[in-house]
Amino acid sequence: MGRTAMSFESVMRKRRWSSEDGDRVLSALQTSGQSVTSFAAAHGVQAQRIHLWLRNRRSRGHGRRSVAPLQFVEVATSPRPPAPPSRYELALPNGAALRIEGLVEVATVRGLIRMLRRC
C-alpha cells in the first residue's frame, strides 16, 4: 500500500511528525514570510518544534548559507581637526576670578576651586 501525499493542513493536525512532515511545514513557513513564532501560533504548533526541525535540516546540510571568508580591508582615514581651545572663566563670590584656557583635567579644576574658596 503506497503512501499518499498529505496536505499541509492534515500534517498540522497530527500529534507525531516525520522528518518529511517537518520539511512540509518548513516549506510552508518559508513561503509564508512569517516569523517562526507567529507561524507556529497561527497553525497550532509549538515554535520549539519548528526550531527543532530547522536545526535538524541544517544538520542534514540543508539551508546552510555559504559564508565568504573574512578579509581585512584597509580603510583610509583623515586626521581629526584640532579641537578649538577651551576657555573657562569662573567668578567667585569674593570677587576672585579663575581663567582657564586649553585642556585641563577635571580633578585639577576641582582642586583650584577648593583652593580659591579658602581664600
C-alpha atoms as a PDB file:
ATOM      1  CA  MET A   1       0.000   0.000   0.000  1.00  0.00           C
ATOM      2  CA  GLY A   2       1.601   3.290  -1.124  1.00  0.00           C
ATOM      3  CA  ARG A   3       1.746   6.419   0.916  1.00  0.00           C
ATOM      4  CA  THR A   4      -0.434   9.256  -0.300  1.00  0.00           C
ATOM      5  CA  ALA A   5       0.706  12.863  -0.250  1.00  0.00           C
ATOM      6  CA  MET A   6      -0.672  14.670   2.776  1.00  0.00           C
ATOM      7  CA  SER A   7      -1.857  18.243   2.667  1.00  0.00           C
ATOM      8  CA  PHE A   8      -0.218  20.843   4.854  1.00  0.00           C
ATOM      9  CA  GLU A   9      -3.381  21.175   6.945  1.00  0.00           C
ATOM     10  CA  SER A  10      -3.506  17.451   7.685  1.00  0.00           C
ATOM     11  CA  VAL A  11       0.153  17.496   8.688  1.00  0.00           C
ATOM     12  CA  MET A  12      -0.531  20.299  11.180  1.00  0.00           C
ATOM     13  CA  ARG A  13      -3.309  18.269  12.854  1.00  0.00           C
ATOM     14  CA  LYS A  14      -1.001  15.307  13.588  1.00  0.00           C
ATOM     15  CA  ARG A  15       0.373  14.584  17.046  1.00  0.00           C
ATOM     16  CA  ARG A  16       3.569  12.926  15.771  1.00  0.00           C
ATOM     17  CA  TRP A  17       5.561  14.134  12.807  1.00  0.00           C
ATOM     18  CA  SER A  18       8.065  12.543  10.473  1.00  0.00           C
ATOM     19  CA  SER A  19      11.024  14.400   9.004  1.00  0.00           C
ATOM     20  CA  GLU A  20       9.029  14.697   5.750  1.00  0.00           C
ATOM     21  CA  ASP A  21       6.227  16.367   7.710  1.00  0.00           C
ATOM     22  CA  GLY A  22       8.781  18.776   9.154  1.00  0.00           C
ATOM     23  CA  ASP A  23      10.036  19.557   5.648  1.00  0.00           C
ATOM     24  CA  ARG A  24       6.466  20.353   4.535  1.00  0.00           C
ATOM     25  CA  VAL A  25       5.944  22.675   7.481  1.00  0.00           C
ATOM     26  CA  LEU A  26       9.306  24.399   6.916  1.00  0.00           C
ATOM     27  CA  SER A  27       8.468  24.918   3.244  1.00  0.00           C
ATOM     28  CA  ALA A  28       5.137  26.477   4.223  1.00  0.00           C
ATOM     29  CA  LEU A  29       6.904  28.654   6.793  1.00  0.00           C
ATOM     30  CA  GLN A  30       9.401  29.858   4.200  1.00  0.00           C
ATOM     31  CA  THR A  31       6.736  30.780   1.656  1.00  0.00           C
ATOM     32  CA  SER A  32       4.585  32.488   4.311  1.00  0.00           C
ATOM     33  CA  GLY A  33       7.212  35.100   5.153  1.00  0.00           C
ATOM     34  CA  GLN A  34       6.126  34.971   8.808  1.00  0.00           C
ATOM     35  CA  SER A  35       8.352  34.635  11.819  1.00  0.00           C
ATOM     36  CA  VAL A  36       8.575  31.203  13.412  1.00  0.00           C
ATOM     37  CA  THR A  37       6.598  32.392  16.442  1.00  0.00           C
ATOM     38  CA  SER A  38       3.696  33.916  14.504  1.00  0.00           C
ATOM     39  CA  PHE A  39       3.578  30.981  12.049  1.00  0.00           C
ATOM     40  CA  ALA A  40       3.505  28.478  14.922  1.00  0.00           C
ATOM     41  CA  ALA A  41       0.744  30.374  16.722  1.00  0.00           C
ATOM     42  CA  ALA A  42      -1.338  30.652  13.563  1.00  0.00           C
ATOM     43  CA  HIS A  43      -1.107  26.913  12.867  1.00  0.00           C
ATOM     44  CA  GLY A  44      -1.306  25.497  16.378  1.00  0.00           C
ATOM     45  CA  VAL A  45       2.190  24.047  16.601  1.00  0.00           C
ATOM     46  CA  GLN A  46       4.856  24.869  19.156  1.00  0.00           C
ATOM     47  CA  ALA A  47       7.574  27.214  17.937  1.00  0.00           C
ATOM     48  CA  GLN A  48      10.089  24.979  19.699  1.00  0.00           C
ATOM     49  CA  ARG A  49       9.098  22.107  17.370  1.00  0.00           C
ATOM     50  CA  ILE A  50       9.719  24.291  14.298  1.00  0.00           C
ATOM     51  CA  HIS A  51      13.110  25.384  15.643  1.00  0.00           C
ATOM     52  CA  LEU A  52      13.966  21.699  16.152  1.00  0.00           C
ATOM     53  CA  TRP A  53      13.071  20.951  12.541  1.00  0.00           C
ATOM     54  CA  LEU A  54      15.200  23.902  11.411  1.00  0.00           C
ATOM     55  CA  ARG A  55      18.200  22.614  13.419  1.00  0.00           C
ATOM     56  CA  ASN A  56      17.710  19.100  12.039  1.00  0.00           C
ATOM     57  CA  ARG A  57      17.502  20.436   8.496  1.00  0.00           C
ATOM     58  CA  ARG A  58      20.747  22.387   8.968  1.00  0.00           C
ATOM     59  CA  SER A  59      22.480  19.343  10.434  1.00  0.00           C
ATOM     60  CA  ARG A  60      21.481  17.383   7.313  1.00  0.00           C
ATOM     61  CA  GLY A  61      23.178  20.056   5.214  1.00  0.00           C
ATOM     62  CA  HIS A  62      20.047  21.836   4.007  1.00  0.00           C
ATOM     63  CA  GLY A  63      19.651  25.535   4.354  1.00  0.00           C
ATOM     64  CA  ARG A  64      23.273  26.286   5.135  1.00  0.00           C
ATOM     65  CA  ARG A  65      24.368  29.653   3.973  1.00  0.00           C
ATOM     66  CA  SER A  66      27.683  29.905   2.255  1.00  0.00           C
ATOM     67  CA  VAL A  67      29.824  32.402   4.060  1.00  0.00           C
ATOM     68  CA  ALA A  68      32.684  34.158   2.337  1.00  0.00           C
ATOM     69  CA  PRO A  69      35.963  34.042   4.248  1.00  0.00           C
ATOM     70  CA  LEU A  70      36.672  37.118   6.300  1.00  0.00           C
ATOM     71  CA  GLN A  71      39.169  39.590   4.938  1.00  0.00           C
ATOM     72  CA  PHE A  72      40.737  42.711   6.341  1.00  0.00           C
ATOM     73  CA  VAL A  73      40.136  45.821   4.301  1.00  0.00           C
ATOM     74  CA  GLU A  74      42.363  48.865   4.527  1.00  0.00           C
ATOM     75  CA  VAL A  75      40.426  51.961   5.434  1.00  0.00           C
ATOM     76  CA  ALA A  76      41.702  55.438   4.716  1.00  0.00           C
ATOM     77  CA  THR A  77      41.096  57.897   7.496  1.00  0.00           C
ATOM     78  CA  SER A  78      41.661  61.589   7.687  1.00  0.00           C
ATOM     79  CA  PRO A  79      43.244  63.165  10.744  1.00  0.00           C
ATOM     80  CA  ARG A  80      40.870  64.783  13.176  1.00  0.00           C
ATOM     81  CA  PRO A  81      40.901  68.550  13.111  1.00  0.00           C
ATOM     82  CA  PRO A  82      42.309  70.012  16.301  1.00  0.00           C
ATOM     83  CA  ALA A  83      39.728  70.853  18.917  1.00  0.00           C
ATOM     84  CA  PRO A  84      39.171  74.556  19.453  1.00  0.00           C
ATOM     85  CA  PRO A  85      40.906  75.843  22.553  1.00  0.00           C
ATOM     86  CA  SER A  86      38.745  75.619  25.650  1.00  0.00           C
ATOM     87  CA  ARG A  87      38.299  78.766  27.663  1.00  0.00           C
ATOM     88  CA  TYR A  88      36.563  78.966  31.045  1.00  0.00           C
ATOM     89  CA  GLU A  89      36.182  81.821  33.489  1.00  0.00           C
ATOM     90  CA  LEU A  90      34.852  81.240  36.987  1.00  0.00           C
ATOM     91  CA  ALA A  91      33.837  84.271  39.057  1.00  0.00           C
ATOM     92  CA  LEU A  92      33.799  83.563  42.768  1.00  0.00           C
ATOM     93  CA  PRO A  93      31.617  85.438  45.292  1.00  0.00           C
ATOM     94  CA  ASN A  94      34.657  87.091  46.904  1.00  0.00           C
ATOM     95  CA  GLY A  95      35.469  88.802  43.571  1.00  0.00           C
ATOM     96  CA  ALA A  96      38.310  86.482  42.585  1.00  0.00           C
ATOM     97  CA  ALA A  97      38.238  85.067  39.060  1.00  0.00           C
ATOM     98  CA  LEU A  98      39.771  81.901  37.698  1.00  0.00           C
ATOM     99  CA  ARG A  99      40.523  81.831  33.970  1.00  0.00           C
ATOM    100  CA  ILE A 100      41.425  78.501  32.358  1.00  0.00           C
ATOM    101  CA  GLU A 101      42.484  78.030  28.751  1.00  0.00           C
ATOM    102  CA  GLY A 102      43.321  74.798  26.976  1.00  0.00           C
ATOM    103  CA  LEU A 103      42.841  71.221  28.081  1.00  0.00           C
ATOM    104  CA  VAL A 104      42.742  70.744  31.831  1.00  0.00           C
ATOM    105  CA  GLU A 105      41.864  67.685  33.910  1.00  0.00           C
ATOM    106  CA  VAL A 106      38.586  67.932  35.826  1.00  0.00           C
ATOM    107  CA  ALA A 107      40.334  66.979  39.070  1.00  0.00           C
ATOM    108  CA  THR A 108      42.736  69.903  38.615  1.00  0.00           C
ATOM    109  CA  VAL A 109      39.868  72.373  38.192  1.00  0.00           C
ATOM    110  CA  ARG A 110      38.124  70.997  41.289  1.00  0.00           C
ATOM    111  CA  GLY A 111      41.306  71.434  43.290  1.00  0.00           C
ATOM    112  CA  LEU A 112      41.737  75.016  42.116  1.00  0.00           C
ATOM    113  CA  ILE A 113      38.142  75.882  43.029  1.00  0.00           C
ATOM    114  CA  ARG A 114      38.567  74.381  46.505  1.00  0.00           C
ATOM    115  CA  MET A 115      41.744  76.362  46.985  1.00  0.00           C
ATOM    116  CA  LEU A 116      40.112  79.642  45.865  1.00  0.00           C
ATOM    117  CA  ARG A 117      37.146  79.134  48.201  1.00  0.00           C
ATOM    118  CA  ARG A 118      39.530  79.074  51.134  1.00  0.00           C
ATOM    119  CA  CYS A 119      40.968  82.460  50.182  1.00  0.00           C
END
